[in-house]
Amino acid sequence: MKNRRKFIIGIILVIWLAFFITDFSLAKVNKSPIFAIPIVMYKDGGSTEYYGLGYKVIKYVDLTVERGTEVIKIDFGTWLMRFSPPEQD
């Protein structure tokens, strides 16, 4: 019984790590996460907060007349991370 419990906890940990590493890697190259769910969408051009299993991804988008929508940056952190768009030039 004890070995079965360790096995199940190990499988859950491996799945969580796969989700976390995949979404973290995508955030580093300014791509939207796959395993996190979009919860909040702001009316500033499409900035979105995504919630995953213990982490949060915020995608900041700028809307311009010349270029249309453009991803400025993507932040990756805990659920306590606050939305704070970067300053525009």
Protein backbone atom coordinates (compact mmCIF):
# COMPACT_ATOMS: atom_id res chain seq x y z
CA MET A 1 0.00 0.00 0.00
CA LYS A 2 2.84 2.39 0.86
CA ASN A 3 4.63 1.75 -2.44
CA ARG A 4 1.45 2.44 -4.37
CA ARG A 5 1.00 5.81 -2.62
CA LYS A 6 4.62 6.78 -3.42
CA PHE A 7 4.08 5.76 -7.04
CA ILE A 8 0.94 7.90 -7.37
CA ILE A 9 2.61 10.91 -5.74
CA GLY A 10 5.59 10.44 -8.07
CA ILE A 11 3.35 10.36 -11.16
CA ILE A 12 1.50 13.51 -10.04
CA LEU A 13 4.82 15.28 -9.43
CA VAL A 14 6.16 14.31 -12.87
CA ILE A 15 2.97 15.57 -14.57
CA TRP A 16 3.09 18.86 -12.62
CA LEU A 17 6.77 19.35 -13.53
CA ALA A 18 5.97 18.73 -17.21
CA PHE A 19 3.23 21.40 -17.11
CA PHE A 20 5.45 23.85 -15.22
CA ILE A 21 8.54 23.42 -17.41
CA THR A 22 6.55 23.60 -20.65
CA ASP A 23 4.75 26.82 -19.72
CA PHE A 24 7.95 28.34 -18.27
CA SER A 25 9.85 27.58 -21.49
CA LEU A 26 7.09 29.11 -23.60
CA ALA A 27 7.06 32.26 -21.42
CA LYS A 28 10.80 32.69 -21.96
CA VAL A 29 10.29 32.92 -25.75
CA ASN A 30 7.17 35.19 -25.50
CA LYS A 31 4.61 32.50 -26.37
CA SER A 32 1.26 31.86 -24.66
CA PRO A 33 1.16 28.97 -22.17
CA ILE A 34 -0.43 25.66 -23.10
CA PHE A 35 -1.40 24.21 -19.71
CA ALA A 36 -2.47 27.40 -17.93
CA ILE A 37 -6.06 28.65 -18.24
CA PRO A 38 -6.83 32.26 -19.28
CA ILE A 39 -8.82 33.81 -16.42
CA VAL A 40 -8.60 37.60 -16.78
CA MET A 41 -8.43 39.53 -20.07
CA TYR A 42 -7.74 43.26 -19.90
CA LYS A 43 -9.12 45.81 -22.38
CA ASP A 44 -5.74 47.32 -23.21
CA GLY A 45 -5.18 45.39 -26.40
CA GLY A 46 -5.53 41.85 -25.12
CA SER A 47 -3.29 41.47 -22.06
CA THR A 48 -4.21 38.22 -20.32
CA GLU A 49 -3.61 36.50 -16.97
CA TYR A 50 -3.26 32.72 -17.15
CA TYR A 51 -3.46 30.49 -14.07
CA GLY A 52 -1.72 27.12 -13.90
CA LEU A 53 -1.21 24.59 -11.12
CA GLY A 54 0.59 26.81 -8.60
CA TYR A 55 1.89 29.38 -11.08
CA LYS A 56 0.66 32.37 -13.04
CA VAL A 57 1.58 33.72 -16.47
CA ILE A 58 0.80 37.31 -17.48
CA LYS A 59 1.00 38.22 -21.16
CA TYR A 60 1.25 41.99 -21.76
CA VAL A 61 -0.05 43.11 -25.16
CA ASP A 62 0.10 46.57 -26.71
CA LEU A 63 -2.38 47.78 -29.31
CA THR A 64 -1.02 50.27 -31.86
CA VAL A 65 -2.45 51.71 -35.03
CA GLU A 66 0.65 50.99 -37.09
CA ARG A 67 1.43 47.42 -36.02
CA GLY A 68 -1.82 46.17 -34.47
CA THR A 69 -1.51 43.90 -31.45
CA GLU A 70 2.02 43.17 -30.29
CA VAL A 71 3.20 41.07 -27.32
CA ILE A 72 5.44 43.29 -25.20
CA LYS A 73 6.54 40.71 -22.62
CA ILE A 74 5.40 37.68 -20.66
CA ASP A 75 5.89 37.32 -16.89
CA PHE A 76 5.99 33.99 -15.07
CA GLY A 77 5.53 33.74 -11.30
CA THR A 78 3.32 32.69 -8.40
CA TRP A 79 -0.42 33.25 -8.04
CA LEU A 80 0.37 36.32 -5.91
CA MET A 81 2.07 38.15 -8.81
CA ARG A 82 0.27 41.38 -9.69
CA PHE A 83 -0.58 42.80 -13.11
CA SER A 84 1.80 45.70 -13.78
CA PRO A 85 2.23 46.61 -17.45
CA PRO A 86 5.66 47.87 -18.52
CA GLU A 87 6.12 51.58 -19.20
CA GLN A 88 5.72 52.61 -22.84
CA ASP A 89 8.24 54.86 -24.61
